[in-house]
N, C-alpha and C. Protein backbone atom coordinates (compact mmCIF):
# COMPACT_ATOMS: atom_id res chain seq x y z
N MET A 1 -24.03 5.11 -23.83
CA MET A 1 -23.98 3.60 -22.92
C MET A 1 -22.39 2.85 -23.35
N ILE A 2 -22.56 2.40 -24.23
CA ILE A 2 -21.16 1.80 -24.82
C ILE A 2 -20.53 2.40 -24.28
N ASP A 3 -20.21 3.70 -23.97
CA ASP A 3 -19.05 4.30 -23.84
C ASP A 3 -18.66 3.91 -22.22
N TYR A 4 -19.34 3.69 -21.64
CA TYR A 4 -19.55 3.12 -20.14
C TYR A 4 -19.13 1.60 -20.31
N VAL A 5 -19.46 1.06 -21.22
CA VAL A 5 -19.12 -0.53 -20.95
C VAL A 5 -17.84 -0.67 -21.78
N ILE A 6 -17.29 0.18 -22.38
CA ILE A 6 -16.03 -0.11 -22.96
C ILE A 6 -14.68 0.68 -21.79
N ARG A 7 -14.85 1.53 -21.09
CA ARG A 7 -14.50 2.14 -20.26
C ARG A 7 -14.05 1.19 -19.25
N ALA A 8 -15.23 0.64 -18.55
CA ALA A 8 -15.43 -0.45 -17.71
C ALA A 8 -14.94 -1.80 -17.69
N ALA A 9 -14.82 -1.89 -19.26
CA ALA A 9 -14.38 -3.44 -19.80
C ALA A 9 -12.60 -3.34 -19.55
N ALA A 10 -12.50 -1.71 -20.46
CA ALA A 10 -11.02 -2.06 -20.76
C ALA A 10 -10.12 -1.67 -18.94
N GLY A 11 -10.90 -0.83 -18.13
CA GLY A 11 -9.99 -1.20 -16.82
C GLY A 11 -9.82 -2.12 -15.95
N PHE A 12 -11.26 -2.96 -16.19
CA PHE A 12 -11.38 -4.02 -15.33
C PHE A 12 -9.83 -5.08 -15.94
N VAL A 13 -9.81 -5.19 -17.24
CA VAL A 13 -8.76 -5.59 -18.40
C VAL A 13 -6.96 -5.49 -17.11
N ILE A 14 -7.29 -4.06 -17.79
CA ILE A 14 -5.54 -3.09 -17.17
C ILE A 14 -5.62 -3.66 -15.55
N LEU A 15 -6.26 -3.73 -14.93
CA LEU A 15 -6.50 -4.02 -13.57
C LEU A 15 -5.62 -5.68 -13.73
N LEU A 16 -6.81 -6.65 -14.05
CA LEU A 16 -6.51 -7.61 -13.35
C LEU A 16 -4.95 -8.19 -14.55
N VAL A 17 -4.82 -7.54 -15.69
CA VAL A 17 -3.52 -7.21 -15.64
C VAL A 17 -1.98 -6.85 -14.81
N LEU A 18 -2.38 -5.65 -14.08
CA LEU A 18 -1.16 -5.41 -13.16
C LEU A 18 -1.13 -6.26 -12.17
N LEU A 19 -2.86 -6.68 -11.04
CA LEU A 19 -2.69 -7.12 -10.11
C LEU A 19 -2.33 -9.00 -10.41
N PHE A 20 -1.82 -9.81 -11.97
CA PHE A 20 -2.01 -10.71 -11.62
C PHE A 20 -1.01 -10.94 -12.49
N VAL A 21 -0.24 -10.13 -13.65
CA VAL A 21 0.34 -10.76 -14.61
C VAL A 21 1.92 -9.84 -13.72
N GLY A 22 1.90 -8.30 -13.60
CA GLY A 22 2.61 -7.64 -12.90
C GLY A 22 3.75 -8.01 -11.85
N PRO A 23 3.32 -8.89 -10.71
CA PRO A 23 4.19 -9.30 -10.02
C PRO A 23 4.66 -10.70 -10.48
N TYR A 24 4.79 -11.20 -11.74
CA TYR A 24 5.13 -12.02 -12.05
C TYR A 24 6.62 -11.26 -12.96
N THR A 25 6.86 -10.01 -13.20
CA THR A 25 7.81 -9.54 -13.74
C THR A 25 8.93 -8.65 -12.96
N ASN A 26 8.95 -9.41 -11.59
CA ASN A 26 9.00 -8.35 -10.70
C ASN A 26 9.24 -7.15 -10.64
N ILE A 27 9.01 -6.27 -10.93
CA ILE A 27 8.77 -4.92 -11.17
C ILE A 27 8.49 -4.62 -9.31
N GLU A 28 8.99 -4.23 -8.78
CA GLU A 28 9.08 -3.81 -7.32
C GLU A 28 7.93 -3.08 -7.01
N TRP A 29 7.10 -2.40 -7.78
CA TRP A 29 5.86 -1.48 -7.17
C TRP A 29 5.09 -2.04 -7.17
N LEU A 30 4.64 -3.16 -8.55
CA LEU A 30 3.57 -4.26 -7.98
C LEU A 30 3.68 -5.40 -7.34
N GLN A 31 4.85 -5.84 -6.24
CA GLN A 31 5.26 -6.57 -5.43
C GLN A 31 3.68 -6.50 -4.39
N PRO A 32 2.98 -7.62 -4.03
CA PRO A 32 1.96 -7.04 -2.53
C PRO A 32 2.36 -6.61 -1.57
N SER A 33 3.74 -6.74 -0.79
CA SER A 33 4.17 -6.05 0.09
C SER A 33 4.41 -4.35 -0.01
N SER A 34 4.58 -3.90 -1.39
CA SER A 34 4.72 -3.16 -1.75
C SER A 34 4.06 -1.77 -1.63
N PRO A 35 4.36 -0.52 -0.86
CA PRO A 35 3.47 0.43 -0.09
C PRO A 35 3.20 1.17 -1.22
N TYR A 36 3.59 1.14 -2.60
CA TYR A 36 2.91 2.05 -3.98
C TYR A 36 2.14 1.10 -4.56
N ARG A 37 1.97 0.09 -4.26
CA ARG A 37 0.98 -0.79 -4.95
C ARG A 37 -0.88 -0.47 -4.97
N PHE A 38 -0.97 0.86 -4.75
CA PHE A 38 -2.35 1.87 -5.02
C PHE A 38 -2.35 2.18 -5.80
N LEU A 39 -0.98 2.29 -6.83
CA LEU A 39 -1.04 3.12 -7.86
C LEU A 39 -1.63 2.21 -8.89
N ILE A 40 -1.73 1.28 -9.33
CA ILE A 40 -2.57 0.34 -9.91
C ILE A 40 -4.05 1.26 -10.07
N VAL A 41 -4.46 1.15 -9.54
CA VAL A 41 -6.10 1.84 -9.23
C VAL A 41 -5.98 2.85 -10.40
N PRO A 42 -5.40 4.35 -10.05
CA PRO A 42 -5.48 5.42 -10.74
C PRO A 42 -4.72 5.07 -12.55
N ILE A 43 -3.93 3.81 -12.96
CA ILE A 43 -3.46 3.62 -13.77
C ILE A 43 -4.22 2.92 -14.37
N ALA A 44 -4.59 1.96 -14.00
CA ALA A 44 -6.25 1.85 -14.63
C ALA A 44 -7.41 2.84 -15.12
N LEU A 45 -7.43 3.54 -14.30
CA LEU A 45 -8.59 4.23 -14.75
C LEU A 45 -7.80 5.48 -15.88
N ILE A 46 -6.99 5.75 -16.16
CA ILE A 46 -6.12 6.12 -16.80
C ILE A 46 -6.17 5.62 -18.26
N GLY A 47 -5.86 4.30 -18.13
CA GLY A 47 -5.57 3.10 -19.26
C GLY A 47 -7.06 3.53 -19.76
N SER A 48 -8.29 3.08 -18.86
CA SER A 48 -9.59 2.85 -19.80
C SER A 48 -10.14 4.41 -20.24
N TRP A 49 -9.73 5.79 -19.66
CA TRP A 49 -9.96 6.79 -20.80
C TRP A 49 -8.88 6.62 -22.18
N VAL A 50 -8.21 6.28 -21.54
CA VAL A 50 -7.43 6.29 -23.45
C VAL A 50 -7.79 5.22 -24.11
N CYS A 51 -8.50 4.11 -23.66
CA CYS A 51 -9.12 2.86 -24.52
C CYS A 51 -10.36 3.68 -24.94
N LEU A 52 -11.23 4.60 -24.50
CA LEU A 52 -12.05 5.17 -24.72
C LEU A 52 -11.76 5.74 -25.95
N TYR A 53 -10.67 6.67 -25.98
CA TYR A 53 -10.42 7.49 -26.42
C TYR A 53 -9.79 7.21 -27.90
N LEU A 54 -9.15 5.90 -27.77
CA LEU A 54 -8.60 5.51 -29.22
C LEU A 54 -10.20 4.96 -29.48
N TYR A 55 -10.85 3.97 -29.14
CA TYR A 55 -12.12 3.53 -29.74
C TYR A 55 -12.81 4.81 -30.54
N ARG A 56 -13.05 5.91 -29.70
CA ARG A 56 -13.99 7.26 -30.33
C ARG A 56 -13.23 7.20 -31.55
N LYS A 57 -12.01 7.60 -31.60
CA LYS A 57 -11.13 7.99 -32.81
C LYS A 57 -11.52 6.64 -34.80
N LEU A 58 -11.12 5.52 -33.21
CA LEU A 58 -10.73 4.63 -34.52
C LEU A 58 -12.56 4.73 -35.28
N LYS A 59 -13.60 4.64 -34.33
CA LYS A 59 -14.70 4.94 -35.12
C LYS A 59 -14.89 5.80 -35.97
N GLN A 60 -13.97 7.03 -36.01
CA GLN A 60 -14.77 8.16 -36.25
C GLN A 60 -13.75 7.98 -37.97
N LYS A 61 -12.89 6.98 -37.57
CA LYS A 61 -11.74 7.09 -38.91
C LYS A 61 -12.42 6.02 -39.68
N LYS A 62 -13.76 5.13 -39.00
CA LYS A 62 -13.97 4.22 -40.12
C LYS A 62 -15.13 4.88 -40.59
N SER A 63 -16.41 5.77 -39.89
CA SER A 63 -17.17 6.59 -40.54
C SER A 63 -16.47 7.53 -41.47
N ALA A 64 -15.25 8.16 -41.51
CA ALA A 64 -14.95 8.98 -42.51
C ALA A 64 -15.09 8.49 -43.92
N SER A 65 -14.41 7.24 -43.52
CA SER A 65 -13.92 6.41 -44.57
C SER A 65 -14.69 5.62 -45.48
N ALA A 66 -16.17 6.09 -44.76
CA ALA A 66 -16.93 5.15 -45.73
C ALA A 66 -18.02 5.72 -46.34
């Protein structure tokens, strides 16, 4: 269950960062009028899986050292 929460929270945070902070950085494909803005969703999904992978590795490393 915690895996789903981590993935959802990480994906939501990445999505918010790309939607609200990204356009201020003047990256062309993050602008509201860009046709490539749909790429935000796959990036958020991949980022959430990466965060889950890093969480599992960190958890495994802590349990091995304890």
